């Protein structure tokens, strides 16, 4: 079954550190754990109509959580930092946040 761009790009990551990268056209997204860099680049290009220069990915380990006497871990996830081409337009979704 073919996955759509919405299946690969789950949501943007909005943190102080990710917002500082917007000036350099670096955008951070939470992505599907089994997605590779080529799939992520194509998904960003189709969703936002931009040109991707490179994609860096990393696995984020789930943090330890506790509720009363019960302890466990939040689920692990995959993060992608997408760098756009210098001549590419910026992603409008992030414009008001920076």
N, C-alpha and C. Protein backbone atom coordinates (compact mmCIF):
# COMPACT_ATOMS: atom_id res chain seq x y z
N UNK A 1 0.84 -1.18 0.00
CA UNK A 1 0.00 0.00 0.00
C UNK A 1 0.88 1.25 0.00
N UNK A 2 0.57 2.17 -0.87
CA UNK A 2 1.35 3.40 -0.99
C UNK A 2 0.96 4.38 0.12
N UNK A 3 1.97 4.96 0.77
CA UNK A 3 1.70 5.93 1.83
C UNK A 3 1.63 7.32 1.25
N UNK A 4 0.76 8.14 1.83
CA UNK A 4 0.64 9.53 1.39
C UNK A 4 1.62 10.39 2.18
N UNK A 5 1.76 11.64 1.76
CA UNK A 5 2.66 12.56 2.45
C UNK A 5 2.19 12.81 3.88
N UNK A 6 0.87 12.79 4.10
CA UNK A 6 0.33 13.00 5.44
C UNK A 6 0.63 11.83 6.36
N UNK A 7 0.84 10.62 5.81
CA UNK A 7 1.21 9.46 6.63
C UNK A 7 2.67 9.55 7.07
N UNK A 8 3.51 10.22 6.29
CA UNK A 8 4.94 10.31 6.60
C UNK A 8 5.22 11.47 7.54
N UNK A 9 4.71 12.67 7.23
CA UNK A 9 4.89 13.85 8.08
C UNK A 9 3.74 13.87 9.08
N UNK A 10 4.04 13.61 10.36
CA UNK A 10 2.99 13.53 11.37
C UNK A 10 2.62 14.92 11.87
N UNK A 11 3.60 15.69 12.33
CA UNK A 11 3.32 17.04 12.82
C UNK A 11 4.62 17.81 12.92
N UNK A 12 4.54 19.16 12.92
CA UNK A 12 5.77 19.94 13.13
C UNK A 12 6.18 19.92 14.59
N UNK A 13 7.47 20.11 14.84
CA UNK A 13 7.99 20.20 16.20
C UNK A 13 8.21 21.68 16.49
N UNK A 14 7.49 22.19 17.50
CA UNK A 14 7.55 23.61 17.84
C UNK A 14 8.26 23.75 19.18
N UNK A 15 9.55 24.03 19.14
CA UNK A 15 10.34 24.27 20.34
C UNK A 15 11.22 25.49 20.10
N UNK A 16 11.84 25.99 21.15
CA UNK A 16 12.73 27.14 20.98
C UNK A 16 13.86 26.82 20.03
N UNK A 17 14.45 25.64 20.19
CA UNK A 17 15.59 25.27 19.35
C UNK A 17 15.17 25.10 17.89
N UNK A 18 14.01 24.49 17.66
CA UNK A 18 13.57 24.31 16.27
C UNK A 18 13.20 25.65 15.63
N UNK A 19 12.72 26.60 16.42
CA UNK A 19 12.35 27.91 15.88
C UNK A 19 13.58 28.73 15.48
N UNK A 20 14.73 28.52 16.12
CA UNK A 20 15.94 29.25 15.74
C UNK A 20 16.46 28.79 14.38
N UNK A 21 16.15 27.57 13.97
CA UNK A 21 16.60 27.06 12.68
C UNK A 21 15.84 27.62 11.50
N UNK A 22 14.69 28.25 11.74
CA UNK A 22 13.88 28.76 10.63
C UNK A 22 14.61 29.84 9.85
N UNK A 23 15.45 30.62 10.51
CA UNK A 23 16.22 31.66 9.81
C UNK A 23 17.15 31.04 8.77
N UNK A 24 17.64 29.82 9.02
CA UNK A 24 18.52 29.11 8.08
C UNK A 24 17.74 28.18 7.16
N UNK A 25 16.39 28.32 7.13
CA UNK A 25 15.50 27.45 6.35
C UNK A 25 15.63 25.99 6.78
N UNK A 26 15.70 25.77 8.11
CA UNK A 26 15.69 24.42 8.66
C UNK A 26 14.40 24.24 9.45
N UNK A 27 13.61 23.24 9.06
CA UNK A 27 12.33 22.99 9.68
C UNK A 27 12.33 21.59 10.29
N UNK A 28 11.70 21.45 11.45
CA UNK A 28 11.72 20.20 12.20
C UNK A 28 10.32 19.59 12.21
N UNK A 29 10.25 18.29 11.93
CA UNK A 29 8.99 17.57 11.89
C UNK A 29 9.10 16.25 12.63
N UNK A 30 7.97 15.82 13.20
CA UNK A 30 7.86 14.45 13.72
C UNK A 30 7.39 13.62 12.55
N UNK A 31 8.10 12.51 12.27
CA UNK A 31 7.80 11.71 11.08
C UNK A 31 7.55 10.26 11.48
N UNK A 32 7.05 9.49 10.54
CA UNK A 32 6.81 8.06 10.77
C UNK A 32 8.14 7.38 11.05
N UNK A 33 8.15 6.44 11.99
CA UNK A 33 9.40 5.81 12.42
C UNK A 33 10.05 4.98 11.32
N UNK A 34 9.27 4.48 10.37
CA UNK A 34 9.84 3.66 9.30
C UNK A 34 10.09 4.44 8.01
N UNK A 35 9.93 5.76 8.04
CA UNK A 35 10.15 6.58 6.84
C UNK A 35 11.65 6.84 6.66
N UNK A 36 12.10 6.81 5.39
CA UNK A 36 13.51 7.12 5.12
C UNK A 36 13.64 8.56 4.63
N UNK A 37 14.87 9.01 4.44
CA UNK A 37 15.13 10.41 4.10
C UNK A 37 14.53 10.80 2.75
N UNK A 38 14.55 9.90 1.78
CA UNK A 38 14.01 10.20 0.46
C UNK A 38 12.49 10.38 0.54
N UNK A 39 11.81 9.51 1.29
CA UNK A 39 10.36 9.63 1.45
C UNK A 39 10.00 10.93 2.17
N UNK A 40 10.79 11.29 3.19
CA UNK A 40 10.53 12.52 3.95
C UNK A 40 10.70 13.74 3.05
N UNK A 41 11.76 13.77 2.24
CA UNK A 41 12.00 14.90 1.34
C UNK A 41 10.86 15.04 0.33
N UNK A 42 10.40 13.94 -0.26
CA UNK A 42 9.31 14.00 -1.23
C UNK A 42 8.01 14.46 -0.57
N UNK A 43 7.77 14.00 0.67
CA UNK A 43 6.55 14.37 1.38
C UNK A 43 6.52 15.86 1.68
N UNK A 44 7.66 16.43 2.11
CA UNK A 44 7.72 17.86 2.41
C UNK A 44 7.54 18.67 1.13
N UNK A 45 8.15 18.22 0.04
CA UNK A 45 8.02 18.93 -1.23
C UNK A 45 6.58 18.94 -1.73
N UNK A 46 5.86 17.82 -1.58
CA UNK A 46 4.48 17.77 -2.07
C UNK A 46 3.53 18.52 -1.14
N UNK A 47 3.75 18.45 0.17
CA UNK A 47 2.84 19.11 1.11
C UNK A 47 2.97 20.63 1.07
N UNK A 48 4.21 21.14 1.01
CA UNK A 48 4.43 22.57 1.15
C UNK A 48 4.89 23.26 -0.13
N UNK A 49 5.16 22.53 -1.20
CA UNK A 49 5.57 23.13 -2.47
C UNK A 49 6.91 23.83 -2.40
N UNK A 50 7.89 23.20 -1.76
CA UNK A 50 9.23 23.77 -1.61
C UNK A 50 10.26 22.80 -2.17
N UNK A 51 11.52 23.25 -2.28
CA UNK A 51 12.62 22.39 -2.72
C UNK A 51 13.49 22.03 -1.52
N UNK A 52 13.71 20.74 -1.29
CA UNK A 52 14.48 20.27 -0.15
C UNK A 52 15.92 20.05 -0.55
N UNK A 53 16.86 20.61 0.24
CA UNK A 53 18.28 20.41 -0.02
C UNK A 53 18.78 19.14 0.65
N UNK A 54 18.44 18.96 1.95
CA UNK A 54 18.87 17.75 2.65
C UNK A 54 17.94 17.47 3.83
N UNK A 55 18.02 16.23 4.31
CA UNK A 55 17.20 15.78 5.44
C UNK A 55 18.11 15.08 6.44
N UNK A 56 18.05 15.51 7.70
CA UNK A 56 18.74 14.82 8.78
C UNK A 56 17.68 14.19 9.67
N UNK A 57 17.89 12.93 10.06
CA UNK A 57 16.91 12.25 10.90
C UNK A 57 17.58 11.77 12.19
N UNK A 58 16.77 11.66 13.23
CA UNK A 58 17.25 11.09 14.48
C UNK A 58 16.09 10.46 15.23
N UNK A 59 16.40 9.42 15.99
CA UNK A 59 15.41 8.74 16.81
C UNK A 59 15.43 9.37 18.20
N UNK A 60 14.25 9.75 18.70
CA UNK A 60 14.13 10.35 20.02
C UNK A 60 13.61 9.27 20.96
N UNK A 61 14.38 8.99 21.99
CA UNK A 61 14.02 7.96 22.95
C UNK A 61 12.91 8.47 23.86
N UNK A 62 11.97 7.61 24.20
CA UNK A 62 10.87 7.99 25.08
C UNK A 62 11.35 8.29 26.49
N UNK A 63 10.79 9.34 27.09
CA UNK A 63 11.18 9.73 28.44
C UNK A 63 10.49 8.85 29.47
N UNK A 64 11.11 8.72 30.63
CA UNK A 64 10.50 7.99 31.74
C UNK A 64 9.34 8.82 32.30
N UNK A 65 8.21 8.18 32.48
CA UNK A 65 7.02 8.85 33.00
C UNK A 65 6.57 8.10 34.25
N UNK A 66 5.88 8.84 35.14
CA UNK A 66 5.36 8.20 36.34
C UNK A 66 3.99 8.77 36.68
N UNK A 67 3.06 7.90 37.00
CA UNK A 67 1.74 8.29 37.48
C UNK A 67 1.51 7.53 38.78
N UNK A 68 1.67 8.22 39.90
CA UNK A 68 1.56 7.54 41.19
C UNK A 68 2.65 6.52 41.36
N UNK A 69 2.26 5.30 41.67
CA UNK A 69 3.27 4.24 41.85
C UNK A 69 3.61 3.53 40.55
N UNK A 70 2.91 3.84 39.47
CA UNK A 70 3.14 3.18 38.18
C UNK A 70 4.13 3.99 37.35
N UNK A 71 5.13 3.31 36.83
CA UNK A 71 6.10 4.01 35.99
C UNK A 71 6.21 3.30 34.65
N UNK A 72 6.61 4.07 33.65
CA UNK A 72 6.77 3.53 32.31
C UNK A 72 7.50 4.53 31.45
N UNK A 73 7.37 4.37 30.15
CA UNK A 73 8.05 5.25 29.21
C UNK A 73 7.07 5.79 28.19
N UNK A 74 7.27 7.05 27.81
CA UNK A 74 6.54 7.62 26.69
C UNK A 74 7.08 6.95 25.42
N UNK A 75 6.28 6.85 24.38
CA UNK A 75 6.76 6.17 23.18
C UNK A 75 7.92 6.90 22.50
N UNK A 76 8.83 6.13 21.93
CA UNK A 76 9.93 6.70 21.16
C UNK A 76 9.39 7.15 19.81
N UNK A 77 10.07 8.13 19.18
CA UNK A 77 9.61 8.66 17.91
C UNK A 77 10.78 9.11 17.07
N UNK A 78 10.51 9.47 15.83
CA UNK A 78 11.55 9.87 14.89
C UNK A 78 11.36 11.33 14.52
N UNK A 79 12.47 12.07 14.49
CA UNK A 79 12.45 13.49 14.17
C UNK A 79 13.27 13.72 12.90
N UNK A 80 12.78 14.61 12.05
CA UNK A 80 13.49 14.96 10.82
C UNK A 80 13.71 16.46 10.78
N UNK A 81 14.96 16.86 10.51
CA UNK A 81 15.29 18.27 10.32
C UNK A 81 15.52 18.46 8.82
N UNK A 82 14.62 19.21 8.20
CA UNK A 82 14.62 19.38 6.75
C UNK A 82 15.21 20.74 6.42
N UNK A 83 16.27 20.75 5.60
CA UNK A 83 16.89 21.99 5.13
C UNK A 83 16.44 22.25 3.71
N UNK A 84 15.96 23.47 3.47
CA UNK A 84 15.47 23.83 2.13
C UNK A 84 16.59 24.44 1.30
N UNK A 85 16.40 24.43 -0.03
CA UNK A 85 17.33 25.08 -0.94
C UNK A 85 17.32 26.58 -0.67
N UNK A 86 18.45 27.29 -0.86
CA UNK A 86 18.49 28.73 -0.60
C UNK A 86 17.49 29.54 -1.43
N UNK A 87 17.23 29.12 -2.68
CA UNK A 87 16.31 29.87 -3.52
C UNK A 87 14.85 29.45 -3.32
N UNK A 88 14.60 28.43 -2.50
CA UNK A 88 13.24 27.94 -2.26
C UNK A 88 12.48 28.91 -1.35
N UNK A 89 11.15 28.94 -1.53
CA UNK A 89 10.35 29.79 -0.66
C UNK A 89 10.24 29.13 0.71
N UNK A 90 9.91 29.91 1.74
CA UNK A 90 9.81 29.35 3.08
C UNK A 90 8.45 28.70 3.27
N UNK A 91 8.31 27.91 4.32
CA UNK A 91 7.05 27.24 4.63
C UNK A 91 6.18 28.22 5.40
N UNK A 92 5.01 28.51 4.87
CA UNK A 92 4.15 29.56 5.44
C UNK A 92 3.62 29.21 6.83
N UNK A 93 3.48 27.92 7.13
CA UNK A 93 2.95 27.49 8.42
C UNK A 93 3.77 28.05 9.60
N UNK A 94 5.08 28.13 9.40
CA UNK A 94 5.99 28.55 10.47
C UNK A 94 6.18 30.06 10.54
N UNK A 95 5.63 30.82 9.58
CA UNK A 95 5.92 32.25 9.47
C UNK A 95 5.56 33.05 10.72
N UNK A 96 4.37 32.86 11.27
CA UNK A 96 3.93 33.66 12.39
C UNK A 96 4.59 33.31 13.72
N UNK A 97 5.29 32.16 13.77
CA UNK A 97 5.85 31.68 15.03
C UNK A 97 7.26 32.17 15.29
N UNK A 98 8.00 32.47 14.24
CA UNK A 98 9.41 32.84 14.42
C UNK A 98 9.57 34.25 14.93
